[in-house]
């Protein structure tokens, strides 16, 4: 399963939507009605799935599904480069 598929599956599970309904431009706050607790739970699920911590300041920059996917792809690539 690709990073994109894994991220979409986690987001879909957290917000009780279908992964295929998630578009790159889907906003966590506007479209998925995310509240702060939802964001915390999503971060925890992503950290658990991928095995690394996501700093709060990075999380705040990811406002859409597409931004979150691109961020996770970058972090996974960095982790793999470091041999982790």
PDB file of N, CA and C in Angstrom:
ATOM      1  N   UNK A   1       0.853  -1.183   0.000  1.00  0.00           N
ATOM      2  CA  UNK A   1       0.000   0.000   0.000  1.00  0.00           C
ATOM      3  C   UNK A   1       0.897   1.244   0.000  1.00  0.00           C
ATOM      4  N   UNK A   2       0.596   2.192  -0.853  1.00  0.00           N
ATOM      5  CA  UNK A   2       1.413   3.395  -0.974  1.00  0.00           C
ATOM      6  C   UNK A   2       1.204   4.323   0.223  1.00  0.00           C
ATOM      7  N   UNK A   3       2.108   5.276   0.379  1.00  0.00           N
ATOM      8  CA  UNK A   3       1.974   6.276   1.435  1.00  0.00           C
ATOM      9  C   UNK A   3       0.641   7.003   1.278  1.00  0.00           C
ATOM     10  N   UNK A   4       0.309   7.386   0.052  1.00  0.00           N
ATOM     11  CA  UNK A   4      -0.949   8.094  -0.197  1.00  0.00           C
ATOM     12  C   UNK A   4      -2.152   7.268   0.250  1.00  0.00           C
ATOM     13  N   UNK A   5      -2.159   5.989  -0.100  1.00  0.00           N
ATOM     14  CA  UNK A   5      -3.283   5.119   0.271  1.00  0.00           C
ATOM     15  C   UNK A   5      -3.375   4.965   1.790  1.00  0.00           C
ATOM     16  N   UNK A   6      -2.223   4.831   2.437  1.00  0.00           N
ATOM     17  CA  UNK A   6      -2.206   4.682   3.893  1.00  0.00           C
ATOM     18  C   UNK A   6      -2.726   5.943   4.572  1.00  0.00           C
ATOM     19  N   UNK A   7      -2.279   7.115   4.108  1.00  0.00           N
ATOM     20  CA  UNK A   7      -2.728   8.385   4.689  1.00  0.00           C
ATOM     21  C   UNK A   7      -4.228   8.551   4.478  1.00  0.00           C
ATOM     22  N   UNK A   8      -4.700   8.293   3.273  1.00  0.00           N
ATOM     23  CA  UNK A   8      -6.139   8.426   2.985  1.00  0.00           C
ATOM     24  C   UNK A   8      -6.964   7.470   3.845  1.00  0.00           C
ATOM     25  N   UNK A   9      -6.474   6.245   4.026  1.00  0.00           N
ATOM     26  CA  UNK A   9      -7.207   5.267   4.842  1.00  0.00           C
ATOM     27  C   UNK A   9      -7.337   5.770   6.280  1.00  0.00           C
ATOM     28  N   UNK A  10      -6.253   6.313   6.815  1.00  0.00           N
ATOM     29  CA  UNK A  10      -6.269   6.820   8.192  1.00  0.00           C
ATOM     30  C   UNK A  10      -7.206   8.016   8.312  1.00  0.00           C
ATOM     31  N   UNK A  11      -7.123   8.945   7.377  1.00  0.00           N
ATOM     32  CA  UNK A  11      -8.006  10.119   7.402  1.00  0.00           C
ATOM     33  C   UNK A  11      -9.461   9.671   7.283  1.00  0.00           C
ATOM     34  N   UNK A  12      -9.729   8.750   6.368  1.00  0.00           N
ATOM     35  CA  UNK A  12     -11.096   8.252   6.175  1.00  0.00           C
ATOM     36  C   UNK A  12     -11.620   7.600   7.457  1.00  0.00           C
ATOM     37  N   UNK A  13     -10.769   6.809   8.113  1.00  0.00           N
ATOM     38  CA  UNK A  13     -11.175   6.161   9.366  1.00  0.00           C
ATOM     39  C   UNK A  13     -11.481   7.209  10.439  1.00  0.00           C
ATOM     40  N   UNK A  14     -10.629   8.205  10.552  1.00  0.00           N
ATOM     41  CA  UNK A  14     -10.791   9.233  11.585  1.00  0.00           C
ATOM     42  C   UNK A  14     -12.058  10.056  11.390  1.00  0.00           C
ATOM     43  N   UNK A  15     -12.379  10.357  10.132  1.00  0.00           N
ATOM     44  CA  UNK A  15     -13.498  11.254   9.863  1.00  0.00           C
ATOM     45  C   UNK A  15     -14.734  10.531   9.312  1.00  0.00           C
ATOM     46  N   UNK A  16     -14.670   9.200   9.317  1.00  0.00           N
ATOM     47  CA  UNK A  16     -15.799   8.360   8.892  1.00  0.00           C
ATOM     48  C   UNK A  16     -16.319   8.735   7.502  1.00  0.00           C
ATOM     49  N   UNK A  17     -15.383   8.797   6.574  1.00  0.00           N
ATOM     50  CA  UNK A  17     -15.718   9.036   5.173  1.00  0.00           C
ATOM     51  C   UNK A  17     -15.053   7.943   4.339  1.00  0.00           C
ATOM     52  N   UNK A  18     -15.405   7.867   3.076  1.00  0.00           N
ATOM     53  CA  UNK A  18     -14.788   6.890   2.182  1.00  0.00           C
ATOM     54  C   UNK A  18     -13.473   7.465   1.663  1.00  0.00           C
ATOM     55  N   UNK A  19     -12.408   6.652   1.597  1.00  0.00           N
ATOM     56  CA  UNK A  19     -11.131   7.149   1.068  1.00  0.00           C
ATOM     57  C   UNK A  19     -11.272   7.756  -0.319  1.00  0.00           C
ATOM     58  N   UNK A  20     -12.142   7.176  -1.153  1.00  0.00           N
ATOM     59  CA  UNK A  20     -12.292   7.697  -2.521  1.00  0.00           C
ATOM     60  C   UNK A  20     -12.970   9.068  -2.551  1.00  0.00           C
ATOM     61  N   UNK A  21     -13.604   9.464  -1.442  1.00  0.00           N
ATOM     62  CA  UNK A  21     -14.222  10.797  -1.365  1.00  0.00           C
ATOM     63  C   UNK A  21     -13.214  11.885  -1.004  1.00  0.00           C
ATOM     64  N   UNK A  22     -12.020  11.484  -0.583  1.00  0.00           N
ATOM     65  CA  UNK A  22     -10.994  12.446  -0.189  1.00  0.00           C
ATOM     66  C   UNK A  22     -10.212  12.915  -1.415  1.00  0.00           C
ATOM     67  N   UNK A  23     -10.253  14.191  -1.664  1.00  0.00           N
ATOM     68  CA  UNK A  23      -9.531  14.803  -2.784  1.00  0.00           C
ATOM     69  C   UNK A  23      -8.348  15.592  -2.226  1.00  0.00           C
ATOM     70  N   UNK A  24      -7.332  15.880  -3.054  1.00  0.00           N
ATOM     71  CA  UNK A  24      -6.182  16.661  -2.553  1.00  0.00           C
ATOM     72  C   UNK A  24      -6.595  17.996  -1.928  1.00  0.00           C
ATOM     73  N   UNK A  25      -7.647  18.603  -2.470  1.00  0.00           N
ATOM     74  CA  UNK A  25      -8.069  19.912  -1.970  1.00  0.00           C
ATOM     75  C   UNK A  25      -9.036  19.833  -0.785  1.00  0.00           C
ATOM     76  N   UNK A  26      -9.381  18.618  -0.350  1.00  0.00           N
ATOM     77  CA  UNK A  26     -10.286  18.472   0.797  1.00  0.00           C
ATOM     78  C   UNK A  26      -9.647  19.096   2.035  1.00  0.00           C
ATOM     79  N   UNK A  27     -10.342  20.066   2.617  1.00  0.00           N
ATOM     80  CA  UNK A  27      -9.855  20.774   3.802  1.00  0.00           C
ATOM     81  C   UNK A  27     -10.295  20.032   5.061  1.00  0.00           C
ATOM     82  N   UNK A  28      -9.354  19.892   6.009  1.00  0.00           N
ATOM     83  CA  UNK A  28      -9.703  19.225   7.266  1.00  0.00           C
ATOM     84  C   UNK A  28     -10.766  20.005   8.026  1.00  0.00           C
ATOM     85  N   UNK A  29     -10.622  21.328   8.088  1.00  0.00           N
ATOM     86  CA  UNK A  29     -11.566  22.119   8.880  1.00  0.00           C
ATOM     87  C   UNK A  29     -12.850  22.443   8.127  1.00  0.00           C
ATOM     88  N   UNK A  30     -12.738  22.837   6.877  1.00  0.00           N
ATOM     89  CA  UNK A  30     -13.937  23.262   6.124  1.00  0.00           C
ATOM     90  C   UNK A  30     -14.762  22.083   5.629  1.00  0.00           C
ATOM     91  N   UNK A  31     -14.116  21.081   5.067  1.00  0.00           N
ATOM     92  CA  UNK A  31     -14.841  19.963   4.460  1.00  0.00           C
ATOM     93  C   UNK A  31     -15.110  18.819   5.439  1.00  0.00           C
ATOM     94  N   UNK A  32     -14.138  18.524   6.300  1.00  0.00           N
ATOM     95  CA  UNK A  32     -14.282  17.401   7.224  1.00  0.00           C
ATOM     96  C   UNK A  32     -14.710  17.852   8.625  1.00  0.00           C
ATOM     97  N   UNK A  33     -14.838  19.176   8.807  1.00  0.00           N
ATOM     98  CA  UNK A  33     -15.282  19.757  10.080  1.00  0.00           C
ATOM     99  C   UNK A  33     -14.410  19.324  11.257  1.00  0.00           C
ATOM    100  N   UNK A  34     -13.107  19.256  11.031  1.00  0.00           N
ATOM    101  CA  UNK A  34     -12.181  18.832  12.076  1.00  0.00           C
ATOM    102  C   UNK A  34     -12.116  19.867  13.193  1.00  0.00           C
ATOM    103  N   UNK A  35     -12.146  19.368  14.400  1.00  0.00           N
ATOM    104  CA  UNK A  35     -11.925  20.191  15.582  1.00  0.00           C
ATOM    105  C   UNK A  35     -10.551  19.814  16.121  1.00  0.00           C
ATOM    106  N   UNK A  36     -10.084  20.532  17.132  1.00  0.00           N
ATOM    107  CA  UNK A  36      -8.724  20.298  17.606  1.00  0.00           C
ATOM    108  C   UNK A  36      -8.509  18.860  18.075  1.00  0.00           C
ATOM    109  N   UNK A  37      -9.495  18.259  18.719  1.00  0.00           N
ATOM    110  CA  UNK A  37      -9.345  16.874  19.172  1.00  0.00           C
ATOM    111  C   UNK A  37      -9.221  15.926  17.982  1.00  0.00           C
ATOM    112  N   UNK A  38      -9.940  16.221  16.903  1.00  0.00           N
ATOM    113  CA  UNK A  38      -9.844  15.390  15.698  1.00  0.00           C
ATOM    114  C   UNK A  38      -8.429  15.443  15.130  1.00  0.00           C
ATOM    115  N   UNK A  39      -7.845  16.636  15.143  1.00  0.00           N
ATOM    116  CA  UNK A  39      -6.495  16.813  14.618  1.00  0.00           C
ATOM    117  C   UNK A  39      -5.488  16.037  15.460  1.00  0.00           C
ATOM    118  N   UNK A  40      -5.646  16.107  16.777  1.00  0.00           N
ATOM    119  CA  UNK A  40      -4.749  15.381  17.688  1.00  0.00           C
ATOM    120  C   UNK A  40      -4.850  13.877  17.439  1.00  0.00           C
ATOM    121  N   UNK A  41      -6.072  13.378  17.300  1.00  0.00           N
ATOM    122  CA  UNK A  41      -6.264  11.946  17.055  1.00  0.00           C
ATOM    123  C   UNK A  41      -5.703  11.521  15.703  1.00  0.00           C
ATOM    124  N   UNK A  42      -5.867  12.383  14.700  1.00  0.00           N
ATOM    125  CA  UNK A  42      -5.327  12.088  13.378  1.00  0.00           C
ATOM    126  C   UNK A  42      -3.798  12.031  13.425  1.00  0.00           C
ATOM    127  N   UNK A  43      -3.188  13.012  14.096  1.00  0.00           N
ATOM    128  CA  UNK A  43      -1.729  13.015  14.229  1.00  0.00           C
ATOM    129  C   UNK A  43      -1.241  11.750  14.912  1.00  0.00           C
ATOM    130  N   UNK A  44      -1.899  11.370  15.992  1.00  0.00           N
ATOM    131  CA  UNK A  44      -1.499  10.163  16.717  1.00  0.00           C
ATOM    132  C   UNK A  44      -1.591   8.927  15.822  1.00  0.00           C
ATOM    133  N   UNK A  45      -2.652   8.841  15.039  1.00  0.00           N
ATOM    134  CA  UNK A  45      -2.832   7.689  14.141  1.00  0.00           C
ATOM    135  C   UNK A  45      -1.750   7.665  13.058  1.00  0.00           C
ATOM    136  N   UNK A  46      -1.423   8.833  12.503  1.00  0.00           N
ATOM    137  CA  UNK A  46      -0.375   8.906  11.475  1.00  0.00           C
ATOM    138  C   UNK A  46       0.989   8.566  12.065  1.00  0.00           C
ATOM    139  N   UNK A  47       1.270   9.080  13.256  1.00  0.00           N
ATOM    140  CA  UNK A  47       2.551   8.793  13.906  1.00  0.00           C
ATOM    141  C   UNK A  47       2.691   7.298  14.179  1.00  0.00           C
ATOM    142  N   UNK A  48       1.616   6.683  14.631  1.00  0.00           N
ATOM    143  CA  UNK A  48       1.641   5.244  14.910  1.00  0.00           C
ATOM    144  C   UNK A  48       1.840   4.440  13.627  1.00  0.00           C
ATOM    145  N   UNK A  49       1.129   4.804  12.574  1.00  0.00           N
ATOM    146  CA  UNK A  49       1.210   4.096  11.294  1.00  0.00           C
ATOM    147  C   UNK A  49       2.609   4.172  10.686  1.00  0.00           C
ATOM    148  N   UNK A  50       3.216   5.349  10.753  1.00  0.00           N
ATOM    149  CA  UNK A  50       4.482   5.565  10.042  1.00  0.00           C
ATOM    150  C   UNK A  50       5.710   5.500  10.943  1.00  0.00           C
ATOM    151  N   UNK A  51       5.522   5.503  12.245  1.00  0.00           N
ATOM    152  CA  UNK A  51       6.638   5.299  13.160  1.00  0.00           C
ATOM    153  C   UNK A  51       7.547   6.491  13.370  1.00  0.00           C
ATOM    154  N   UNK A  52       7.021   7.695  13.250  1.00  0.00           N
ATOM    155  CA  UNK A  52       7.806   8.877  13.597  1.00  0.00           C
ATOM    156  C   UNK A  52       6.895   9.986  14.083  1.00  0.00           C
ATOM    157  N   UNK A  53       7.509  10.919  14.833  1.00  0.00           N
ATOM    158  CA  UNK A  53       6.745  12.017  15.413  1.00  0.00           C
ATOM    159  C   UNK A  53       6.547  13.143  14.407  1.00  0.00           C
ATOM    160  N   UNK A  54       5.384  13.767  14.463  1.00  0.00           N
ATOM    161  CA  UNK A  54       5.066  14.904  13.603  1.00  0.00           C
ATOM    162  C   UNK A  54       4.993  16.139  14.501  1.00  0.00           C
ATOM    163  N   UNK A  55       5.941  17.067  14.357  1.00  0.00           N
ATOM    164  CA  UNK A  55       5.916  18.263  15.203  1.00  0.00           C
ATOM    165  C   UNK A  55       4.637  19.076  14.984  1.00  0.00           C
ATOM    166  N   UNK A  56       4.154  19.702  16.052  1.00  0.00           N
ATOM    167  CA  UNK A  56       2.921  20.496  15.970  1.00  0.00           C
ATOM    168  C   UNK A  56       2.990  21.564  14.891  1.00  0.00           C
ATOM    169  N   UNK A  57       4.147  22.216  14.771  1.00  0.00           N
ATOM    170  CA  UNK A  57       4.249  23.286  13.775  1.00  0.00           C
ATOM    171  C   UNK A  57       4.128  22.742  12.350  1.00  0.00           C
ATOM    172  N   UNK A  58       4.567  21.512  12.122  1.00  0.00           N
ATOM    173  CA  UNK A  58       4.388  20.883  10.812  1.00  0.00           C
ATOM    174  C   UNK A  58       2.917  20.524  10.602  1.00  0.00           C
ATOM    175  N   UNK A  59       2.307  19.994  11.637  1.00  0.00           N
ATOM    176  CA  UNK A  59       0.902  19.583  11.537  1.00  0.00           C
ATOM    177  C   UNK A  59       0.017  20.776  11.190  1.00  0.00           C
ATOM    178  N   UNK A  60       0.303  21.930  11.771  1.00  0.00           N
ATOM    179  CA  UNK A  60      -0.510  23.129  11.529  1.00  0.00           C
ATOM    180  C   UNK A  60      -0.447  23.589  10.074  1.00  0.00           C
ATOM    181  N   UNK A  61       0.643  23.270   9.382  1.00  0.00           N
ATOM    182  CA  UNK A  61       0.810  23.680   7.984  1.00  0.00           C
ATOM    183  C   UNK A  61      -0.019  22.820   7.024  1.00  0.00           C
ATOM    184  N   UNK A  62      -0.390  21.634   7.464  1.00  0.00           N
ATOM    185  CA  UNK A  62      -1.123  20.695   6.620  1.00  0.00           C
ATOM    186  C   UNK A  62      -2.621  20.907   6.794  1.00  0.00           C
ATOM    187  N   UNK A  63      -3.196  21.708   5.919  1.00  0.00           N
ATOM    188  CA  UNK A  63      -4.601  22.073   6.028  1.00  0.00           C
ATOM    189  C   UNK A  63      -5.510  21.251   5.116  1.00  0.00           C
ATOM    190  N   UNK A  64      -4.914  20.561   4.142  1.00  0.00           N
ATOM    191  CA  UNK A  64      -5.707  19.762   3.213  1.00  0.00           C
ATOM    192  C   UNK A  64      -5.177  18.333   3.161  1.00  0.00           C
ATOM    193  N   UNK A  65      -5.983  17.457   2.607  1.00  0.00           N
ATOM    194  CA  UNK A  65      -5.581  16.059   2.449  1.00  0.00           C
ATOM    195  C   UNK A  65      -4.316  15.975   1.590  1.00  0.00           C
ATOM    196  N   UNK A  66      -4.286  16.741   0.496  1.00  0.00           N
ATOM    197  CA  UNK A  66      -3.120  16.725  -0.389  1.00  0.00           C
ATOM    198  C   UNK A  66      -1.851  17.169   0.311  1.00  0.00           C
ATOM    199  N   UNK A  67      -1.945  18.222   1.133  1.00  0.00           N
ATOM    200  CA  UNK A  67      -0.768  18.692   1.873  1.00  0.00           C
ATOM    201  C   UNK A  67      -0.284  17.625   2.854  1.00  0.00           C
ATOM    202  N   UNK A  68      -1.221  16.963   3.511  1.00  0.00           N
ATOM    203  CA  UNK A  68      -0.854  15.912   4.464  1.00  0.00           C
ATOM    204  C   UNK A  68      -0.173  14.745   3.751  1.00  0.00           C
ATOM    205  N   UNK A  69      -0.691  14.371   2.595  1.00  0.00           N
ATOM    206  CA  UNK A  69      -0.094  13.265   1.832  1.00  0.00           C
ATOM    207  C   UNK A  69       1.326  13.628   1.397  1.00  0.00           C
ATOM    208  N   UNK A  70       1.501  14.818   0.847  1.00  0.00           N
ATOM    209  CA  UNK A  70       2.835  15.238   0.394  1.00  0.00           C
ATOM    210  C   UNK A  70       3.814  15.316   1.564  1.00  0.00           C
ATOM    211  N   UNK A  71       3.359  15.816   2.694  1.00  0.00           N
ATOM    212  CA  UNK A  71       4.201  15.900   3.886  1.00  0.00           C
ATOM    213  C   UNK A  71       4.644  14.497   4.305  1.00  0.00           C
ATOM    214  N   UNK A  72       3.699  13.565   4.370  1.00  0.00           N
ATOM    215  CA  UNK A  72       4.039  12.214   4.808  1.00  0.00           C
ATOM    216  C   UNK A  72       4.963  11.523   3.807  1.00  0.00           C
ATOM    217  N   UNK A  73       4.773  11.769   2.523  1.00  0.00           N
ATOM    218  CA  UNK A  73       5.683  11.198   1.516  1.00  0.00           C
ATOM    219  C   UNK A  73       7.113  11.695   1.748  1.00  0.00           C
ATOM    220  N   UNK A  74       7.252  13.010   2.000  1.00  0.00           N
ATOM    221  CA  UNK A  74       8.583  13.587   2.256  1.00  0.00           C
ATOM    222  C   UNK A  74       9.215  12.979   3.502  1.00  0.00           C
ATOM    223  N   UNK A  75       8.436  12.878   4.573  1.00  0.00           N
ATOM    224  CA  UNK A  75       8.965  12.353   5.834  1.00  0.00           C
ATOM    225  C   UNK A  75       9.355  10.882   5.703  1.00  0.00           C
ATOM    226  N   UNK A  76       8.559  10.105   4.989  1.00  0.00           N
ATOM    227  CA  UNK A  76       8.880   8.690   4.787  1.00  0.00           C
ATOM    228  C   UNK A  76      10.165   8.563   3.975  1.00  0.00           C
ATOM    229  N   UNK A  77      10.319   9.388   2.939  1.00  0.00           N
ATOM    230  CA  UNK A  77      11.533   9.368   2.115  1.00  0.00           C
ATOM    231  C   UNK A  77      12.752   9.746   2.956  1.00  0.00           C
ATOM    232  N   UNK A  78      12.617  10.748   3.815  1.00  0.00           N
ATOM    233  CA  UNK A  78      13.730  11.167   4.693  1.00  0.00           C
ATOM    234  C   UNK A  78      14.091  10.032   5.641  1.00  0.00           C
ATOM    235  N   UNK A  79      13.080   9.389   6.206  1.00  0.00           N
ATOM    236  CA  UNK A  79      13.318   8.288   7.135  1.00  0.00           C
ATOM    237  C   UNK A  79      14.038   7.142   6.449  1.00  0.00           C
ATOM    238  N   UNK A  80      13.628   6.827   5.218  1.00  0.00           N
ATOM    239  CA  UNK A  80      14.261   5.744   4.463  1.00  0.00           C
ATOM    240  C   UNK A  80      15.705   6.080   4.116  1.00  0.00           C
ATOM    241  N   UNK A  81      15.974   7.357   3.794  1.00  0.00           N
ATOM    242  CA  UNK A  81      17.336   7.789   3.481  1.00  0.00           C
ATOM    243  C   UNK A  81      18.263   7.570   4.682  1.00  0.00           C
ATOM    244  N   UNK A  82      17.716   7.831   5.866  1.00  0.00           N
ATOM    245  CA  UNK A  82      18.504   7.702   7.093  1.00  0.00           C
ATOM    246  C   UNK A  82      18.639   6.243   7.509  1.00  0.00           C
ATOM    247  N   UNK A  83      17.965   5.358   6.770  1.00  0.00           N
ATOM    248  CA  UNK A  83      18.052   3.934   7.074  1.00  0.00           C
ATOM    249  C   UNK A  83      17.127   3.506   8.199  1.00  0.00           C
ATOM    250  N   UNK A  84      16.047   4.284   8.370  1.00  0.00           N
ATOM    251  CA  UNK A  84      15.146   3.997   9.475  1.00  0.00           C
ATOM    252  C   UNK A  84      13.956   3.288   9.042  1.00  0.00           C
TER     253      UNK A  84
END
